[in-house]
Amino acid sequence: MSRGAPQAEGVFFSYQPAFCIATLIALQEGDLDGAMHLAAPPGPARYAHTFFDRMEDVEVSVQQEEPSEEYGVWALATGGPERLTLLAAQWHSLEEDAESRTLSVELSGLDPGRYTARLYRIDKNNPGSNDPDEVFLVDNVRPVRLDLPLDGQSVAFLELEPD
């Protein structure tokens, strides 16, 4: 167990979901034939794995302003003309290094129109849920540009579907 790892009832609660997603995204970006995971641990990390499973099959472009390795934020977008998903994790190996950040992304691949966005979060205040934390409308003027606040050691999952 690393020294900076916070615990809640014997598990790495605070960053475990963010670590899981950052790892899966890094594997996906490494030109592997699809990132693979076996069984999700109980608790918040289970929601993180569920979000990864809800991603579409076709990866679409995500432009980040800062590189993942330096910024501590990993992002993966998938989708097609009817649905787009974005999964992001903000993770650092030590809790004290994890700062809240805003992930500014540019998403392409959606047809022009109005979309319902559902945002799910896992962080120190949200242990994960099947219900979105926020629902809002997005008017797509290609590409979609979003600023997504991420708390330190957190996961965000965004689904965009036609309104």
C-alpha atoms as a PDB file:
ATOM      1  CA  MET A   1       0.000   0.000   0.000  1.00  0.00           C
ATOM      2  CA  SER A   2       1.462   3.387  -0.907  1.00  0.00           C
ATOM      3  CA  ARG A   3       1.854   5.966   1.833  1.00  0.00           C
ATOM      4  CA  GLY A   4      -0.427   8.589   0.289  1.00  0.00           C
ATOM      5  CA  ALA A   5      -3.276   6.187  -0.442  1.00  0.00           C
ATOM      6  CA  PRO A   6      -6.371   7.082   1.594  1.00  0.00           C
ATOM      7  CA  GLN A   7      -8.436   4.225   2.928  1.00  0.00           C
ATOM      8  CA  ALA A   8     -12.087   3.724   3.779  1.00  0.00           C
ATOM      9  CA  GLU A   9     -12.823   0.441   5.505  1.00  0.00           C
ATOM     10  CA  GLY A  10      -9.690  -1.187   4.136  1.00  0.00           C
ATOM     11  CA  VAL A  11     -10.079  -0.275   0.447  1.00  0.00           C
ATOM     12  CA  PHE A  12      -8.463   2.375  -1.730  1.00  0.00           C
ATOM     13  CA  PHE A  13     -11.715   4.285  -1.975  1.00  0.00           C
ATOM     14  CA  SER A  14     -10.602   7.705  -3.122  1.00  0.00           C
ATOM     15  CA  TYR A  15      -8.603   6.910  -6.245  1.00  0.00           C
ATOM     16  CA  GLN A  16      -9.435   3.310  -7.073  1.00  0.00           C
ATOM     17  CA  PRO A  17     -12.121   4.156  -9.690  1.00  0.00           C
ATOM     18  CA  ALA A  18      -9.905   6.847 -11.235  1.00  0.00           C
ATOM     19  CA  PHE A  19      -6.927   4.462 -11.331  1.00  0.00           C
ATOM     20  CA  CYS A  20      -9.059   1.754 -12.996  1.00  0.00           C
ATOM     21  CA  ILE A  21     -10.275   4.105 -15.736  1.00  0.00           C
ATOM     22  CA  ALA A  22      -6.905   5.790 -16.286  1.00  0.00           C
ATOM     23  CA  THR A  23      -5.375   2.325 -16.730  1.00  0.00           C
ATOM     24  CA  LEU A  24      -8.063   1.126 -19.142  1.00  0.00           C
ATOM     25  CA  ILE A  25      -7.780   4.308 -21.231  1.00  0.00           C
ATOM     26  CA  ALA A  26      -3.965   4.056 -21.294  1.00  0.00           C
ATOM     27  CA  LEU A  27      -4.246   0.450 -22.490  1.00  0.00           C
ATOM     28  CA  GLN A  28      -6.744   1.485 -25.172  1.00  0.00           C
ATOM     29  CA  GLU A  29      -4.455   4.302 -26.323  1.00  0.00           C
ATOM     30  CA  GLY A  30      -1.559   1.829 -26.509  1.00  0.00           C
ATOM     31  CA  ASP A  31      -2.992   0.348 -29.732  1.00  0.00           C
ATOM     32  CA  LEU A  32      -4.063  -2.831 -28.014  1.00  0.00           C
ATOM     33  CA  ASP A  33      -6.921  -4.733 -29.593  1.00  0.00           C
ATOM     34  CA  GLY A  34      -9.399  -3.316 -27.089  1.00  0.00           C
ATOM     35  CA  ALA A  35      -8.635  -2.839 -23.423  1.00  0.00           C
ATOM     36  CA  MET A  36      -9.702  -5.812 -21.329  1.00  0.00           C
ATOM     37  CA  HIS A  37     -10.780  -6.024 -17.739  1.00  0.00           C
ATOM     38  CA  LEU A  38     -12.057  -9.034 -15.890  1.00  0.00           C
ATOM     39  CA  ALA A  39     -14.096  -8.342 -12.779  1.00  0.00           C
ATOM     40  CA  ALA A  40     -14.692  -4.993 -11.163  1.00  0.00           C
ATOM     41  CA  PRO A  41     -14.101  -4.764  -7.437  1.00  0.00           C
ATOM     42  CA  PRO A  42     -17.099  -3.837  -5.286  1.00  0.00           C
ATOM     43  CA  GLY A  43     -18.019  -0.235  -4.560  1.00  0.00           C
ATOM     44  CA  PRO A  44     -17.258   2.853  -6.634  1.00  0.00           C
ATOM     45  CA  ALA A  45     -14.853   1.030  -8.959  1.00  0.00           C
ATOM     46  CA  ARG A  46     -17.747  -1.141 -10.145  1.00  0.00           C
ATOM     47  CA  TYR A  47     -19.454   1.975 -11.558  1.00  0.00           C
ATOM     48  CA  ALA A  48     -16.196   2.955 -13.286  1.00  0.00           C
ATOM     49  CA  HIS A  49     -16.080  -0.433 -15.009  1.00  0.00           C
ATOM     50  CA  THR A  50     -19.771  -0.125 -15.912  1.00  0.00           C
ATOM     51  CA  PHE A  51     -19.072   3.220 -17.583  1.00  0.00           C
ATOM     52  CA  PHE A  52     -16.254   1.658 -19.607  1.00  0.00           C
ATOM     53  CA  ASP A  53     -18.607  -1.127 -20.707  1.00  0.00           C
ATOM     54  CA  ARG A  54     -21.137   1.467 -21.922  1.00  0.00           C
ATOM     55  CA  MET A  55     -18.657   2.980 -24.362  1.00  0.00           C
ATOM     56  CA  GLU A  56     -19.405   2.557 -28.071  1.00  0.00           C
ATOM     57  CA  ASP A  57     -17.254   0.431 -30.380  1.00  0.00           C
ATOM     58  CA  VAL A  58     -15.852   3.225 -32.556  1.00  0.00           C
ATOM     59  CA  GLU A  59     -13.302   5.581 -31.035  1.00  0.00           C
ATOM     60  CA  VAL A  60     -13.672   9.242 -32.006  1.00  0.00           C
ATOM     61  CA  SER A  61     -11.294  12.144 -31.709  1.00  0.00           C
ATOM     62  CA  VAL A  62     -10.793  13.832 -28.339  1.00  0.00           C
ATOM     63  CA  GLN A  63      -8.482  16.821 -28.295  1.00  0.00           C
ATOM     64  CA  GLN A  64      -7.072  17.643 -24.859  1.00  0.00           C
ATOM     65  CA  GLU A  65      -5.216  20.845 -24.133  1.00  0.00           C
ATOM     66  CA  GLU A  66      -2.644  19.101 -21.911  1.00  0.00           C
ATOM     67  CA  PRO A  67      -0.968  15.693 -22.307  1.00  0.00           C
ATOM     68  CA  SER A  68      -2.373  12.948 -20.052  1.00  0.00           C
ATOM     69  CA  GLU A  69       0.940  12.001 -18.495  1.00  0.00           C
ATOM     70  CA  GLU A  70       1.705  15.542 -17.314  1.00  0.00           C
ATOM     71  CA  TYR A  71      -1.808  16.700 -16.557  1.00  0.00           C
ATOM     72  CA  GLY A  72      -3.025  13.550 -14.798  1.00  0.00           C
ATOM     73  CA  VAL A  73      -6.183  13.397 -16.915  1.00  0.00           C
ATOM     74  CA  TRP A  74      -7.019  10.572 -19.315  1.00  0.00           C
ATOM     75  CA  ALA A  75      -9.947  10.766 -21.739  1.00  0.00           C
ATOM     76  CA  LEU A  76     -11.514   8.417 -24.270  1.00  0.00           C
ATOM     77  CA  ALA A  77     -14.460   9.183 -26.557  1.00  0.00           C
ATOM     78  CA  THR A  78     -16.460   6.739 -28.636  1.00  0.00           C
ATOM     79  CA  GLY A  79     -19.603   6.862 -30.699  1.00  0.00           C
ATOM     80  CA  GLY A  80     -21.201   7.538 -34.013  1.00  0.00           C
ATOM     81  CA  PRO A  81     -23.870   9.743 -35.583  1.00  0.00           C
ATOM     82  CA  GLU A  82     -26.519   8.928 -32.933  1.00  0.00           C
ATOM     83  CA  ARG A  83     -24.542   8.657 -29.695  1.00  0.00           C
ATOM     84  CA  LEU A  84     -21.259   9.828 -28.279  1.00  0.00           C
ATOM     85  CA  THR A  85     -19.654   8.847 -24.974  1.00  0.00           C
ATOM     86  CA  LEU A  86     -16.737  10.413 -23.134  1.00  0.00           C
ATOM     87  CA  LEU A  87     -14.968   8.770 -20.225  1.00  0.00           C
ATOM     88  CA  ALA A  88     -12.381  10.745 -18.273  1.00  0.00           C
ATOM     89  CA  ALA A  89     -10.297  10.081 -15.193  1.00  0.00           C
ATOM     90  CA  GLN A  90      -8.164  12.468 -13.172  1.00  0.00           C
ATOM     91  CA  TRP A  91      -5.667  10.355 -11.251  1.00  0.00           C
ATOM     92  CA  HIS A  92      -2.345  10.787  -9.477  1.00  0.00           C
ATOM     93  CA  SER A  93      -0.493   8.140  -7.499  1.00  0.00           C
ATOM     94  CA  LEU A  94      -0.486  10.328  -4.386  1.00  0.00           C
ATOM     95  CA  GLU A  95      -3.618  11.957  -3.017  1.00  0.00           C
ATOM     96  CA  GLU A  96      -1.804  15.215  -2.248  1.00  0.00           C
ATOM     97  CA  ASP A  97      -0.815  15.562  -5.938  1.00  0.00           C
ATOM     98  CA  ALA A  98      -4.407  15.322  -7.148  1.00  0.00           C
ATOM     99  CA  GLU A  99      -5.754  18.780  -7.881  1.00  0.00           C
ATOM    100  CA  SER A 100      -9.141  19.667  -9.267  1.00  0.00           C
ATOM    101  CA  ARG A 101      -8.817  20.417 -12.970  1.00  0.00           C
ATOM    102  CA  THR A 102     -10.996  21.373 -15.884  1.00  0.00           C
ATOM    103  CA  LEU A 103     -10.775  19.078 -18.862  1.00  0.00           C
ATOM    104  CA  SER A 104     -11.375  21.131 -21.996  1.00  0.00           C
ATOM    105  CA  VAL A 105     -12.311  18.754 -24.791  1.00  0.00           C
ATOM    106  CA  GLU A 106     -13.310  18.978 -28.395  1.00  0.00           C
ATOM    107  CA  LEU A 107     -15.520  16.083 -29.551  1.00  0.00           C
ATOM    108  CA  SER A 108     -16.249  15.215 -33.145  1.00  0.00           C
ATOM    109  CA  GLY A 109     -18.381  12.564 -34.798  1.00  0.00           C
ATOM    110  CA  LEU A 110     -21.933  13.732 -34.053  1.00  0.00           C
ATOM    111  CA  ASP A 111     -24.390  14.950 -36.642  1.00  0.00           C
ATOM    112  CA  PRO A 112     -25.530  18.563 -36.200  1.00  0.00           C
ATOM    113  CA  GLY A 113     -28.510  18.934 -33.866  1.00  0.00           C
ATOM    114  CA  ARG A 114     -29.577  19.148 -30.255  1.00  0.00           C
ATOM    115  CA  TYR A 115     -28.383  16.488 -27.810  1.00  0.00           C
ATOM    116  CA  THR A 116     -29.206  15.508 -24.246  1.00  0.00           C
ATOM    117  CA  ALA A 117     -26.062  15.179 -22.158  1.00  0.00           C
ATOM    118  CA  ARG A 118     -26.025  12.925 -19.113  1.00  0.00           C
ATOM    119  CA  LEU A 119     -23.040  13.339 -16.808  1.00  0.00           C
ATOM    120  CA  TYR A 120     -22.131  10.722 -14.206  1.00  0.00           C
ATOM    121  CA  ARG A 121     -19.408  11.299 -11.619  1.00  0.00           C
ATOM    122  CA  ILE A 122     -17.370   9.271  -9.170  1.00  0.00           C
ATOM    123  CA  ASP A 123     -15.392  11.336  -6.686  1.00  0.00           C
ATOM    124  CA  LYS A 124     -15.026  11.888  -2.951  1.00  0.00           C
ATOM    125  CA  ASN A 125     -18.590  13.251  -2.774  1.00  0.00           C
ATOM    126  CA  ASN A 126     -20.181  10.864  -5.312  1.00  0.00           C
ATOM    127  CA  PRO A 127     -19.557   7.125  -4.883  1.00  0.00           C
ATOM    128  CA  GLY A 128     -21.192   6.415  -8.263  1.00  0.00           C
ATOM    129  CA  SER A 129     -24.750   5.767  -9.361  1.00  0.00           C
ATOM    130  CA  ASN A 130     -26.853   4.508 -12.244  1.00  0.00           C
ATOM    131  CA  ASP A 131     -28.566   7.914 -12.219  1.00  0.00           C
ATOM    132  CA  PRO A 132     -26.804  10.903 -13.805  1.00  0.00           C
ATOM    133  CA  ASP A 133     -25.496  13.673 -11.578  1.00  0.00           C
ATOM    134  CA  GLU A 134     -26.353  16.279 -14.240  1.00  0.00           C
ATOM    135  CA  VAL A 135     -28.566  16.363 -17.339  1.00  0.00           C
ATOM    136  CA  PHE A 136     -28.300  19.268 -19.794  1.00  0.00           C
ATOM    137  CA  LEU A 137     -28.825  20.122 -23.468  1.00  0.00           C
ATOM    138  CA  VAL A 138     -26.017  20.625 -25.979  1.00  0.00           C
ATOM    139  CA  ASP A 139     -26.480  22.228 -29.392  1.00  0.00           C
ATOM    140  CA  ASN A 140     -23.997  20.547 -31.683  1.00  0.00           C
ATOM    141  CA  VAL A 141     -22.090  22.898 -33.883  1.00  0.00           C
ATOM    142  CA  ARG A 142     -19.340  20.573 -35.033  1.00  0.00           C
ATOM    143  CA  PRO A 143     -17.183  19.935 -33.132  1.00  0.00           C
ATOM    144  CA  VAL A 144     -18.682  20.012 -29.633  1.00  0.00           C
ATOM    145  CA  ARG A 145     -16.496  21.876 -27.148  1.00  0.00           C
ATOM    146  CA  LEU A 146     -16.991  21.215 -23.447  1.00  0.00           C
ATOM    147  CA  ASP A 147     -15.252  22.197 -20.230  1.00  0.00           C
ATOM    148  CA  LEU A 148     -15.640  19.347 -17.770  1.00  0.00           C
ATOM    149  CA  PRO A 149     -14.603  20.040 -14.164  1.00  0.00           C
ATOM    150  CA  LEU A 150     -12.857  17.065 -12.538  1.00  0.00           C
ATOM    151  CA  ASP A 151     -12.110  16.819  -8.838  1.00  0.00           C
ATOM    152  CA  GLY A 152      -8.820  15.244  -7.837  1.00  0.00           C
ATOM    153  CA  GLN A 153      -8.910  11.437  -8.092  1.00  0.00           C
ATOM    154  CA  SER A 154     -12.232  11.328  -9.958  1.00  0.00           C
ATOM    155  CA  VAL A 155     -14.066   9.785 -12.907  1.00  0.00           C
ATOM    156  CA  ALA A 156     -16.593  11.428 -15.225  1.00  0.00           C
ATOM    157  CA  PHE A 157     -18.730   9.678 -17.826  1.00  0.00           C
ATOM    158  CA  LEU A 158     -20.688  11.734 -20.352  1.00  0.00           C
ATOM    159  CA  GLU A 159     -23.320  10.393 -22.771  1.00  0.00           C
ATOM    160  CA  LEU A 160     -24.663  12.549 -25.605  1.00  0.00           C
ATOM    161  CA  GLU A 161     -27.790  11.323 -27.406  1.00  0.00           C
ATOM    162  CA  PRO A 162     -30.249  13.094 -29.741  1.00  0.00           C
ATOM    163  CA  ASP A 163     -32.849  15.122 -27.877  1.00  0.00           C
END
